[in-house]
All heavy atoms as atom14 arrays in JSON, in Angstrom:
{
  "sequence": "APGREREFLAAISWNGGRTYYADSVTGRFTISRDNAKNTVFLQMNSLK",
  "atom14_mask": [
    [1, 1, 1, 1, 1, 0, 0, 0, 0, 0, 0, 0, 0, 0],
    [1, 1, 1, 1, 1, 1, 1, 0, 0, 0, 0, 0, 0, 0],
    [1, 1, 1, 1, 0, 0, 0, 0, 0, 0, 0, 0, 0, 0],
    [1, 1, 1, 1, 1, 1, 1, 1, 1, 1, 1, 0, 0, 0],
    [1, 1, 1, 1, 1, 1, 1, 1, 1, 0, 0, 0, 0, 0],
    [1, 1, 1, 1, 1, 1, 1, 1, 1, 1, 1, 0, 0, 0],
    [1, 1, 1, 1, 1, 1, 1, 1, 1, 0, 0, 0, 0, 0],
    [1, 1, 1, 1, 1, 1, 1, 1, 1, 1, 1, 0, 0, 0],
    [1, 1, 1, 1, 1, 1, 1, 1, 0, 0, 0, 0, 0, 0],
    [1, 1, 1, 1, 1, 0, 0, 0, 0, 0, 0, 0, 0, 0],
    [1, 1, 1, 1, 1, 0, 0, 0, 0, 0, 0, 0, 0, 0],
    [1, 1, 1, 1, 1, 1, 1, 1, 0, 0, 0, 0, 0, 0],
    [1, 1, 1, 1, 1, 1, 0, 0, 0, 0, 0, 0, 0, 0],
    [1, 1, 1, 1, 1, 1, 1, 1, 1, 1, 1, 1, 1, 1],
    [1, 1, 1, 1, 1, 1, 1, 1, 0, 0, 0, 0, 0, 0],
    [1, 1, 1, 1, 0, 0, 0, 0, 0, 0, 0, 0, 0, 0],
    [1, 1, 1, 1, 0, 0, 0, 0, 0, 0, 0, 0, 0, 0],
    [1, 1, 1, 1, 1, 1, 1, 1, 1, 1, 1, 0, 0, 0],
    [1, 1, 1, 1, 1, 1, 1, 0, 0, 0, 0, 0, 0, 0],
    [1, 1, 1, 1, 1, 1, 1, 1, 1, 1, 1, 1, 0, 0],
    [1, 1, 1, 1, 1, 1, 1, 1, 1, 1, 1, 1, 0, 0],
    [1, 1, 1, 1, 1, 0, 0, 0, 0, 0, 0, 0, 0, 0],
    [1, 1, 1, 1, 1, 1, 1, 1, 0, 0, 0, 0, 0, 0],
    [1, 1, 1, 1, 1, 1, 0, 0, 0, 0, 0, 0, 0, 0],
    [1, 1, 1, 1, 1, 1, 1, 0, 0, 0, 0, 0, 0, 0],
    [1, 1, 1, 1, 1, 1, 1, 0, 0, 0, 0, 0, 0, 0],
    [1, 1, 1, 1, 0, 0, 0, 0, 0, 0, 0, 0, 0, 0],
    [1, 1, 1, 1, 1, 1, 1, 1, 1, 1, 1, 0, 0, 0],
    [1, 1, 1, 1, 1, 1, 1, 1, 1, 1, 1, 0, 0, 0],
    [1, 1, 1, 1, 1, 1, 1, 0, 0, 0, 0, 0, 0, 0],
    [1, 1, 1, 1, 1, 1, 1, 1, 0, 0, 0, 0, 0, 0],
    [1, 1, 1, 1, 1, 1, 0, 0, 0, 0, 0, 0, 0, 0],
    [1, 1, 1, 1, 1, 1, 1, 1, 1, 1, 1, 0, 0, 0],
    [1, 1, 1, 1, 1, 1, 1, 1, 0, 0, 0, 0, 0, 0],
    [1, 1, 1, 1, 1, 1, 1, 1, 0, 0, 0, 0, 0, 0],
    [1, 1, 1, 1, 1, 0, 0, 0, 0, 0, 0, 0, 0, 0],
    [1, 1, 1, 1, 1, 1, 1, 1, 1, 0, 0, 0, 0, 0],
    [1, 1, 1, 1, 1, 1, 1, 1, 0, 0, 0, 0, 0, 0],
    [1, 1, 1, 1, 1, 1, 1, 0, 0, 0, 0, 0, 0, 0],
    [1, 1, 1, 1, 1, 1, 1, 0, 0, 0, 0, 0, 0, 0],
    [1, 1, 1, 1, 1, 1, 1, 1, 1, 1, 1, 0, 0, 0],
    [1, 1, 1, 1, 1, 1, 1, 1, 0, 0, 0, 0, 0, 0],
    [1, 1, 1, 1, 1, 1, 1, 1, 1, 0, 0, 0, 0, 0],
    [1, 1, 1, 1, 1, 1, 1, 1, 0, 0, 0, 0, 0, 0],
    [1, 1, 1, 1, 1, 1, 1, 1, 0, 0, 0, 0, 0, 0],
    [1, 1, 1, 1, 1, 1, 0, 0, 0, 0, 0, 0, 0, 0],
    [1, 1, 1, 1, 1, 1, 1, 1, 0, 0, 0, 0, 0, 0],
    [1, 1, 1, 1, 1, 1, 1, 1, 1, 0, 0, 0, 0, 0]
  ],
  "atom14_positions": [
    [[0.86, -1.25, -0.04], [-0.01, 0.01, -0.01], [0.86, 1.32, 0.04], [1.95, 1.18, 0.39], [-0.85, -0.02, 1.23], [0.0, 0.0, 0.0], [0.0, 0.0, 0.0], [0.0, 0.0, 0.0], [0.0, 0.0, 0.0], [0.0, 0.0, 0.0], [0.0, 0.0, 0.0], [0.0, 0.0, 0.0], [0.0, 0.0, 0.0], [0.0, 0.0, 0.0]],
    [[0.34, 2.46, -0.48], [1.12, 3.63, -0.52], [1.65, 3.99, 0.79], [1.08, 3.99, 1.79], [0.12, 4.65, -0.94], [-0.77, 3.86, -1.77], [-0.98, 2.6, -0.97], [0.0, 0.0, 0.0], [0.0, 0.0, 0.0], [0.0, 0.0, 0.0], [0.0, 0.0, 0.0], [0.0, 0.0, 0.0], [0.0, 0.0, 0.0], [0.0, 0.0, 0.0]],
    [[3.06, 4.19, 0.9], [3.69, 4.67, 2.21], [3.97, 3.49, 2.95], [4.43, 3.72, 4.11], [0.0, 0.0, 0.0], [0.0, 0.0, 0.0], [0.0, 0.0, 0.0], [0.0, 0.0, 0.0], [0.0, 0.0, 0.0], [0.0, 0.0, 0.0], [0.0, 0.0, 0.0], [0.0, 0.0, 0.0], [0.0, 0.0, 0.0], [0.0, 0.0, 0.0]],
    [[3.73, 2.18, 2.72], [3.99, 1.19, 3.52], [4.98, 0.14, 3.0], [5.21, 0.14, 1.7], [2.62, 0.31, 3.71], [1.56, 1.27, 4.37], [0.29, 0.44, 4.62], [-0.81, 1.31, 5.1], [-0.99, 1.7, 6.31], [-0.3, 1.14, 7.28], [-2.01, 2.51, 6.73], [0.0, 0.0, 0.0], [0.0, 0.0, 0.0], [0.0, 0.0, 0.0]],
    [[5.45, -0.75, 3.8], [6.42, -1.77, 3.31], [5.67, -2.85, 2.48], [4.49, -3.07, 2.85], [7.18, -2.38, 4.45], [8.08, -1.34, 5.27], [8.91, -2.03, 6.33], [8.46, -3.14, 6.77], [9.82, -1.43, 6.8], [0.0, 0.0, 0.0], [0.0, 0.0, 0.0], [0.0, 0.0, 0.0], [0.0, 0.0, 0.0], [0.0, 0.0, 0.0]],
    [[6.41, -3.56, 1.62], [5.84, -4.74, 0.95], [5.6, -5.82, 1.95], [6.56, -6.1, 2.67], [6.86, -5.08, -0.11], [6.22, -6.15, -1.15], [6.95, -6.23, -2.41], [6.8, -4.93, -3.12], [7.24, -4.74, -4.39], [7.91, -5.81, -4.99], [7.13, -3.63, -4.99], [0.0, 0.0, 0.0], [0.0, 0.0, 0.0], [0.0, 0.0, 0.0]],
    [[4.45, -6.41, 1.97], [3.96, -7.34, 2.9], [3.73, -8.66, 2.42], [3.2, -8.88, 1.32], [2.62, -6.79, 3.51], [1.92, -7.81, 4.53], [0.73, -7.34, 4.93], [0.07, -6.41, 4.14], [0.04, -7.92, 5.87], [0.0, 0.0, 0.0], [0.0, 0.0, 0.0], [0.0, 0.0, 0.0], [0.0, 0.0, 0.0], [0.0, 0.0, 0.0]],
    [[4.34, -9.76, 2.92], [4.2, -11.11, 2.56], [2.71, -11.51, 2.8], [2.2, -11.23, 3.87], [5.1, -12.04, 3.26], [4.82, -13.49, 3.15], [5.07, -14.17, 1.92], [4.19, -14.26, 4.14], [4.79, -15.52, 1.78], [3.87, -15.55, 3.98], [4.11, -16.18, 2.79], [0.0, 0.0, 0.0], [0.0, 0.0, 0.0], [0.0, 0.0, 0.0]],
    [[2.09, -12.29, 1.91], [0.79, -12.74, 2.03], [0.78, -14.26, 2.13], [0.11, -14.91, 2.95], [-0.07, -12.15, 0.85], [-0.29, -10.71, 0.81], [-1.03, -10.33, -0.53], [-0.86, -10.12, 2.05], [0.0, 0.0, 0.0], [0.0, 0.0, 0.0], [0.0, 0.0, 0.0], [0.0, 0.0, 0.0], [0.0, 0.0, 0.0], [0.0, 0.0, 0.0]],
    [[1.26, -14.87, 1.01], [1.11, -16.37, 0.8], [2.31, -16.87, -0.13], [2.8, -16.18, -0.88], [-0.22, -16.68, 0.29], [0.0, 0.0, 0.0], [0.0, 0.0, 0.0], [0.0, 0.0, 0.0], [0.0, 0.0, 0.0], [0.0, 0.0, 0.0], [0.0, 0.0, 0.0], [0.0, 0.0, 0.0], [0.0, 0.0, 0.0], [0.0, 0.0, 0.0]],
    [[2.54, -18.15, 0.08], [3.51, -18.76, -0.83], [3.14, -20.19, -1.01], [2.31, -20.76, -0.22], [4.88, -18.71, -0.17], [0.0, 0.0, 0.0], [0.0, 0.0, 0.0], [0.0, 0.0, 0.0], [0.0, 0.0, 0.0], [0.0, 0.0, 0.0], [0.0, 0.0, 0.0], [0.0, 0.0, 0.0], [0.0, 0.0, 0.0], [0.0, 0.0, 0.0]],
    [[3.55, -20.79, -2.08], [3.32, -22.19, -2.49], [4.53, -22.85, -2.89], [5.31, -22.3, -3.67], [2.19, -22.32, -3.39], [1.67, -23.68, -3.64], [2.51, -21.56, -4.78], [0.3, -23.82, -4.37], [0.0, 0.0, 0.0], [0.0, 0.0, 0.0], [0.0, 0.0, 0.0], [0.0, 0.0, 0.0], [0.0, 0.0, 0.0], [0.0, 0.0, 0.0]],
    [[4.77, -24.13, -2.52], [5.96, -24.81, -3.09], [5.94, -25.2, -4.35], [4.88, -25.12, -5.12], [6.19, -26.05, -2.13], [5.01, -26.9, -2.26], [0.0, 0.0, 0.0], [0.0, 0.0, 0.0], [0.0, 0.0, 0.0], [0.0, 0.0, 0.0], [0.0, 0.0, 0.0], [0.0, 0.0, 0.0], [0.0, 0.0, 0.0], [0.0, 0.0, 0.0]],
    [[6.91, -25.57, -4.92], [7.09, -25.77, -6.43], [6.07, -26.68, -6.92], [5.6, -26.64, -8.16], [8.57, -26.27, -6.87], [8.83, -27.59, -6.3], [9.35, -28.01, -5.08], [8.6, -28.83, -6.99], [9.53, -29.37, -4.94], [9.11, -29.8, -6.11], [8.18, -29.24, -8.24], [8.99, -31.26, -6.61], [8.07, -30.5, -8.71], [8.6, -31.44, -7.89]],
    [[5.7, -27.88, -6.14], [4.7, -28.85, -6.72], [3.33, -28.59, -6.0], [2.5, -29.41, -6.15], [5.33, -30.27, -6.35], [5.42, -30.41, -4.84], [5.29, -29.57, -3.98], [5.7, -31.62, -4.54], [0.0, 0.0, 0.0], [0.0, 0.0, 0.0], [0.0, 0.0, 0.0], [0.0, 0.0, 0.0], [0.0, 0.0, 0.0], [0.0, 0.0, 0.0]],
    [[3.24, -27.46, -5.27], [1.94, -27.2, -4.64], [1.63, -27.93, -3.36], [0.56, -27.91, -2.89], [0.0, 0.0, 0.0], [0.0, 0.0, 0.0], [0.0, 0.0, 0.0], [0.0, 0.0, 0.0], [0.0, 0.0, 0.0], [0.0, 0.0, 0.0], [0.0, 0.0, 0.0], [0.0, 0.0, 0.0], [0.0, 0.0, 0.0], [0.0, 0.0, 0.0]],
    [[2.65, -28.83, -2.95], [2.46, -29.63, -1.81], [2.27, -28.93, -0.41], [1.85, -29.4, 0.58], [0.0, 0.0, 0.0], [0.0, 0.0, 0.0], [0.0, 0.0, 0.0], [0.0, 0.0, 0.0], [0.0, 0.0, 0.0], [0.0, 0.0, 0.0], [0.0, 0.0, 0.0], [0.0, 0.0, 0.0], [0.0, 0.0, 0.0], [0.0, 0.0, 0.0]],
    [[2.94, -27.72, -0.28], [2.95, -26.98, 0.8], [2.56, -25.5, 0.63], [2.92, -24.96, -0.46], [4.25, -26.92, 1.66], [4.74, -28.33, 2.02], [5.68, -28.05, 3.18], [5.17, -27.54, 4.3], [5.85, -27.3, 5.42], [7.26, -27.46, 5.52], [5.29, -26.59, 6.59], [0.0, 0.0, 0.0], [0.0, 0.0, 0.0], [0.0, 0.0, 0.0]],
    [[1.72, -24.9, 1.5], [1.41, -23.51, 1.47], [1.54, -22.72, 2.79], [1.64, -23.45, 3.79], [-0.19, -23.42, 1.03], [-0.96, -24.03, 1.99], [-0.46, -23.91, -0.28], [0.0, 0.0, 0.0], [0.0, 0.0, 0.0], [0.0, 0.0, 0.0], [0.0, 0.0, 0.0], [0.0, 0.0, 0.0], [0.0, 0.0, 0.0], [0.0, 0.0, 0.0]],
    [[1.69, -21.58, 2.55], [2.14, -20.73, 3.79], [1.31, -19.39, 3.7], [1.12, -18.86, 2.65], [3.55, -20.32, 3.79], [4.48, -21.5, 3.65], [4.73, -21.96, 2.37], [5.04, -22.13, 4.81], [5.66, -23.18, 2.32], [5.94, -23.24, 4.63], [6.17, -23.68, 3.35], [7.02, -24.76, 3.2], [0.0, 0.0, 0.0], [0.0, 0.0, 0.0]],
    [[0.87, -18.98, 4.83], [0.05, -17.7, 4.89], [0.44, -16.76, 5.96], [0.76, -17.16, 7.15], [-1.41, -18.16, 5.05], [-1.95, -18.88, 3.88], [-2.14, -20.23, 4.03], [-2.41, -18.24, 2.74], [-2.61, -21.04, 2.95], [-2.98, -18.94, 1.74], [-2.91, -20.35, 1.84], [-3.51, -21.14, 0.74], [0.0, 0.0, 0.0], [0.0, 0.0, 0.0]],
    [[0.38, -15.58, 5.71], [0.54, -14.57, 6.78], [-0.73, -14.61, 7.68], [-1.8, -14.96, 7.14], [0.77, -13.19, 6.2], [0.0, 0.0, 0.0], [0.0, 0.0, 0.0], [0.0, 0.0, 0.0], [0.0, 0.0, 0.0], [0.0, 0.0, 0.0], [0.0, 0.0, 0.0], [0.0, 0.0, 0.0], [0.0, 0.0, 0.0], [0.0, 0.0, 0.0]],
    [[-0.51, -14.14, 8.92], [-1.61, -14.24, 9.91], [-2.77, -13.25, 9.41], [-3.87, -13.63, 9.69], [-1.1, -13.82, 11.29], [-0.27, -14.7, 11.89], [-0.18, -15.89, 11.66], [0.38, -14.47, 12.9], [0.0, 0.0, 0.0], [0.0, 0.0, 0.0], [0.0, 0.0, 0.0], [0.0, 0.0, 0.0], [0.0, 0.0, 0.0], [0.0, 0.0, 0.0]],
    [[-2.37, -12.24, 8.71], [-3.45, -11.25, 8.31], [-4.34, -11.8, 7.31], [-5.6, -11.19, 7.15], [-2.78, -10.02, 7.82], [-1.94, -10.31, 6.6], [0.0, 0.0, 0.0], [0.0, 0.0, 0.0], [0.0, 0.0, 0.0], [0.0, 0.0, 0.0], [0.0, 0.0, 0.0], [0.0, 0.0, 0.0], [0.0, 0.0, 0.0], [0.0, 0.0, 0.0]],
    [[-3.99, -12.82, 6.6], [-4.86, -13.45, 5.57], [-5.37, -14.84, 5.7], [-6.03, -15.34, 5.05], [-4.24, -13.23, 4.24], [-3.81, -11.76, 3.86], [-3.05, -14.13, 4.07], [0.0, 0.0, 0.0], [0.0, 0.0, 0.0], [0.0, 0.0, 0.0], [0.0, 0.0, 0.0], [0.0, 0.0, 0.0], [0.0, 0.0, 0.0], [0.0, 0.0, 0.0]],
    [[-4.79, -15.47, 6.83], [-5.17, -16.86, 6.99], [-6.7, -16.95, 7.28], [-7.27, -16.23, 7.95], [-4.4, -17.41, 8.31], [-3.06, -17.35, 8.16], [-4.78, -18.76, 8.67], [0.0, 0.0, 0.0], [0.0, 0.0, 0.0], [0.0, 0.0, 0.0], [0.0, 0.0, 0.0], [0.0, 0.0, 0.0], [0.0, 0.0, 0.0], [0.0, 0.0, 0.0]],
    [[-7.24, -18.02, 6.53], [-8.61, -18.25, 6.58], [-9.45, -17.42, 5.57], [-10.56, -17.75, 5.41], [0.0, 0.0, 0.0], [0.0, 0.0, 0.0], [0.0, 0.0, 0.0], [0.0, 0.0, 0.0], [0.0, 0.0, 0.0], [0.0, 0.0, 0.0], [0.0, 0.0, 0.0], [0.0, 0.0, 0.0], [0.0, 0.0, 0.0], [0.0, 0.0, 0.0]],
    [[-8.75, -16.43, 4.96], [-9.55, -15.68, 3.87], [-8.96, -15.69, 2.61], [-9.66, -15.74, 1.53], [-9.53, -14.14, 4.33], [-10.17, -13.79, 5.59], [-10.21, -12.36, 5.78], [-8.93, -11.55, 5.82], [-8.59, -10.62, 5.03], [-9.45, -10.15, 4.14], [-7.36, -10.14, 5.1], [0.0, 0.0, 0.0], [0.0, 0.0, 0.0], [0.0, 0.0, 0.0]],
    [[-7.69, -15.93, 2.48], [-6.86, -16.01, 1.15], [-6.43, -17.44, 0.9], [-6.02, -18.06, 1.99], [-5.72, -15.21, 1.09], [-6.01, -13.66, 1.05], [-7.3, -13.11, 1.34], [-5.02, -12.8, 0.77], [-7.54, -11.74, 1.26], [-5.28, -11.36, 0.65], [-6.54, -10.93, 0.89], [0.0, 0.0, 0.0], [0.0, 0.0, 0.0], [0.0, 0.0, 0.0]],
    [[-6.6, -18.04, -0.25], [-5.98, -19.22, -0.66], [-5.02, -19.15, -1.86], [-5.48, -18.64, -2.94], [-7.09, -20.24, -0.9], [-7.94, -20.26, 0.24], [-6.68, -21.69, -1.31], [0.0, 0.0, 0.0], [0.0, 0.0, 0.0], [0.0, 0.0, 0.0], [0.0, 0.0, 0.0], [0.0, 0.0, 0.0], [0.0, 0.0, 0.0], [0.0, 0.0, 0.0]],
    [[-3.85, -19.68, -1.76], [-2.88, -19.71, -2.88], [-2.92, -21.06, -3.54], [-3.1, -22.11, -2.79], [-1.55, -19.33, -2.39], [-0.57, -19.14, -3.72], [-1.05, -20.36, -1.45], [0.77, -18.57, -3.21], [0.0, 0.0, 0.0], [0.0, 0.0, 0.0], [0.0, 0.0, 0.0], [0.0, 0.0, 0.0], [0.0, 0.0, 0.0], [0.0, 0.0, 0.0]],
    [[-2.82, -21.06, -4.83], [-2.87, -22.38, -5.57], [-2.12, -22.22, -6.85], [-1.75, -21.06, -7.19], [-4.25, -22.92, -5.85], [-4.93, -22.02, -6.66], [0.0, 0.0, 0.0], [0.0, 0.0, 0.0], [0.0, 0.0, 0.0], [0.0, 0.0, 0.0], [0.0, 0.0, 0.0], [0.0, 0.0, 0.0], [0.0, 0.0, 0.0], [0.0, 0.0, 0.0]],
    [[-1.75, -23.22, -7.49], [-0.99, -23.19, -8.81], [-1.35, -24.16, -9.67], [-1.86, -25.36, -9.31], [0.51, -23.12, -8.5], [1.04, -24.49, -8.04], [2.45, -24.29, -7.52], [3.39, -23.77, -8.62], [4.69, -23.34, -8.37], [5.17, -23.27, -7.24], [5.31, -22.91, -9.45], [0.0, 0.0, 0.0], [0.0, 0.0, 0.0], [0.0, 0.0, 0.0]],
    [[-1.2, -23.89, -10.99], [-1.42, -24.95, -12.01], [-0.2, -24.93, -12.94], [-0.05, -24.02, -13.82], [-2.67, -24.65, -12.77], [-2.95, -25.62, -13.84], [-2.21, -26.42, -14.34], [-4.14, -25.45, -14.42], [0.0, 0.0, 0.0], [0.0, 0.0, 0.0], [0.0, 0.0, 0.0], [0.0, 0.0, 0.0], [0.0, 0.0, 0.0], [0.0, 0.0, 0.0]],
    [[0.67, -25.88, -12.71], [1.94, -25.84, -13.36], [1.75, -26.06, -14.84], [2.66, -25.56, -15.57], [2.91, -26.84, -12.66], [3.45, -26.32, -11.36], [3.41, -25.16, -11.11], [3.97, -27.24, -10.62], [0.0, 0.0, 0.0], [0.0, 0.0, 0.0], [0.0, 0.0, 0.0], [0.0, 0.0, 0.0], [0.0, 0.0, 0.0], [0.0, 0.0, 0.0]],
    [[0.91, -26.85, -15.21], [0.7, -26.93, -16.71], [0.26, -25.72, -17.36], [0.65, -25.71, -18.54], [-0.58, -28.12, -16.8], [0.0, 0.0, 0.0], [0.0, 0.0, 0.0], [0.0, 0.0, 0.0], [0.0, 0.0, 0.0], [0.0, 0.0, 0.0], [0.0, 0.0, 0.0], [0.0, 0.0, 0.0], [0.0, 0.0, 0.0], [0.0, 0.0, 0.0]],
    [[-0.18, -24.83, -16.71], [-0.56, -23.4, -17.24], [0.43, -22.26, -16.8], [0.2, -21.18, -17.1], [-2.05, -23.06, -17.0], [-2.98, -24.05, -17.43], [-4.48, -23.63, -17.15], [-5.37, -24.62, -17.7], [-6.83, -24.26, -17.35], [0.0, 0.0, 0.0], [0.0, 0.0, 0.0], [0.0, 0.0, 0.0], [0.0, 0.0, 0.0], [0.0, 0.0, 0.0]],
    [[1.42, -22.65, -16.18], [2.46, -21.86, -15.53], [1.78, -20.69, -14.84], [2.17, -19.39, -15.1], [3.29, -21.24, -16.81], [4.04, -22.25, -17.54], [4.4, -23.29, -16.88], [4.35, -21.95, -18.76], [0.0, 0.0, 0.0], [0.0, 0.0, 0.0], [0.0, 0.0, 0.0], [0.0, 0.0, 0.0], [0.0, 0.0, 0.0], [0.0, 0.0, 0.0]],
    [[0.87, -20.98, -13.97], [0.06, -19.93, -13.4], [-0.07, -20.12, -11.9], [-0.24, -21.43, -11.38], [-1.26, -19.87, -13.96], [-1.23, -19.6, -15.38], [-2.22, -18.86, -13.4], [0.0, 0.0, 0.0], [0.0, 0.0, 0.0], [0.0, 0.0, 0.0], [0.0, 0.0, 0.0], [0.0, 0.0, 0.0], [0.0, 0.0, 0.0], [0.0, 0.0, 0.0]],
    [[-0.04, -19.16, -11.11], [-0.35, -19.29, -9.63], [-1.56, -18.22, -9.43], [-1.66, -17.25, -9.99], [0.82, -18.81, -8.82], [1.38, -17.4, -9.1], [0.67, -19.07, -7.31], [0.0, 0.0, 0.0], [0.0, 0.0, 0.0], [0.0, 0.0, 0.0], [0.0, 0.0, 0.0], [0.0, 0.0, 0.0], [0.0, 0.0, 0.0], [0.0, 0.0, 0.0]],
    [[-2.33, -18.66, -8.45], [-3.63, -17.98, -8.25], [-3.45, -17.5, -6.71], [-2.93, -18.12, -5.87], [-4.8, -18.78, -8.36], [-4.95, -19.48, -9.72], [-4.34, -20.72, -9.95], [-5.45, -18.76, -10.81], [-4.53, -21.29, -11.3], [-5.61, -19.25, -12.06], [-4.97, -20.46, -12.24], [0.0, 0.0, 0.0], [0.0, 0.0, 0.0], [0.0, 0.0, 0.0]],
    [[-4.41, -16.47, -6.42], [-4.65, -16.05, -5.09], [-6.2, -15.76, -5.06], [-6.56, -14.77, -5.51], [-3.92, -14.78, -4.72], [-4.03, -14.42, -3.17], [-3.42, -15.4, -2.36], [-3.41, -13.1, -2.93], [0.0, 0.0, 0.0], [0.0, 0.0, 0.0], [0.0, 0.0, 0.0], [0.0, 0.0, 0.0], [0.0, 0.0, 0.0], [0.0, 0.0, 0.0]],
    [[-6.87, -16.62, -4.37], [-8.34, -16.44, -4.14], [-8.34, -15.59, -2.76], [-7.92, -15.88, -1.71], [-8.99, -17.75, -4.03], [-10.51, -17.56, -3.66], [-11.27, -17.03, -4.88], [-11.09, -17.45, -5.91], [-12.18, -16.04, -4.53], [0.0, 0.0, 0.0], [0.0, 0.0, 0.0], [0.0, 0.0, 0.0], [0.0, 0.0, 0.0], [0.0, 0.0, 0.0]],
    [[-9.13, -14.46, -2.85], [-9.3, -13.58, -1.77], [-10.75, -13.45, -1.57], [-11.49, -12.89, -2.14], [-8.6, -12.22, -2.15], [-7.18, -12.28, -2.56], [-6.39, -10.65, -2.73], [-7.51, -10.01, -4.06], [0.0, 0.0, 0.0], [0.0, 0.0, 0.0], [0.0, 0.0, 0.0], [0.0, 0.0, 0.0], [0.0, 0.0, 0.0], [0.0, 0.0, 0.0]],
    [[-11.08, -13.84, -0.35], [-12.41, -13.72, 0.21], [-12.46, -12.87, 1.45], [-11.56, -12.49, 1.98], [-12.9, -15.14, 0.59], [-13.01, -16.15, -0.6], [-13.2, -15.75, -1.69], [-12.75, -17.39, -0.33], [0.0, 0.0, 0.0], [0.0, 0.0, 0.0], [0.0, 0.0, 0.0], [0.0, 0.0, 0.0], [0.0, 0.0, 0.0], [0.0, 0.0, 0.0]],
    [[-13.72, -12.4, 1.68], [-13.96, -11.63, 2.93], [-13.05, -10.38, 2.94], [-12.42, -10.1, 3.85], [-13.89, -12.38, 4.21], [-14.67, -13.64, 4.21], [0.0, 0.0, 0.0], [0.0, 0.0, 0.0], [0.0, 0.0, 0.0], [0.0, 0.0, 0.0], [0.0, 0.0, 0.0], [0.0, 0.0, 0.0], [0.0, 0.0, 0.0], [0.0, 0.0, 0.0]],
    [[-12.9, -9.7, 1.79], [-12.05, -8.7, 1.65], [-12.41, -7.43, 2.54], [-13.53, -7.19, 2.86], [-11.97, -8.11, 0.24], [-11.16, -9.1, -0.66], [-11.45, -8.77, -2.22], [-9.62, -8.91, -0.4], [0.0, 0.0, 0.0], [0.0, 0.0, 0.0], [0.0, 0.0, 0.0], [0.0, 0.0, 0.0], [0.0, 0.0, 0.0], [0.0, 0.0, 0.0]],
    [[-11.35, -6.86, 3.02], [-11.44, -5.59, 4.04], [-10.97, -4.36, 3.4], [-10.14, -4.6, 2.41], [-10.8, -5.96, 5.29], [-11.29, -7.3, 6.06], [-10.37, -7.53, 7.15], [-10.62, -8.83, 7.82], [-9.76, -9.06, 9.07], [0.0, 0.0, 0.0], [0.0, 0.0, 0.0], [0.0, 0.0, 0.0], [0.0, 0.0, 0.0], [0.0, 0.0, 0.0]]
  ]
}
């Protein structure tokens, strides 16, 4: 956000086997990936 530091939200391992979330988004955001399409996603729910 303007005037703020860059903030980690979520990460996913190369094969999708492990995911990680910042406390601020746990339970609201979901990271996933489709390696066949070279794409990573972030589903964001209950936005504030």
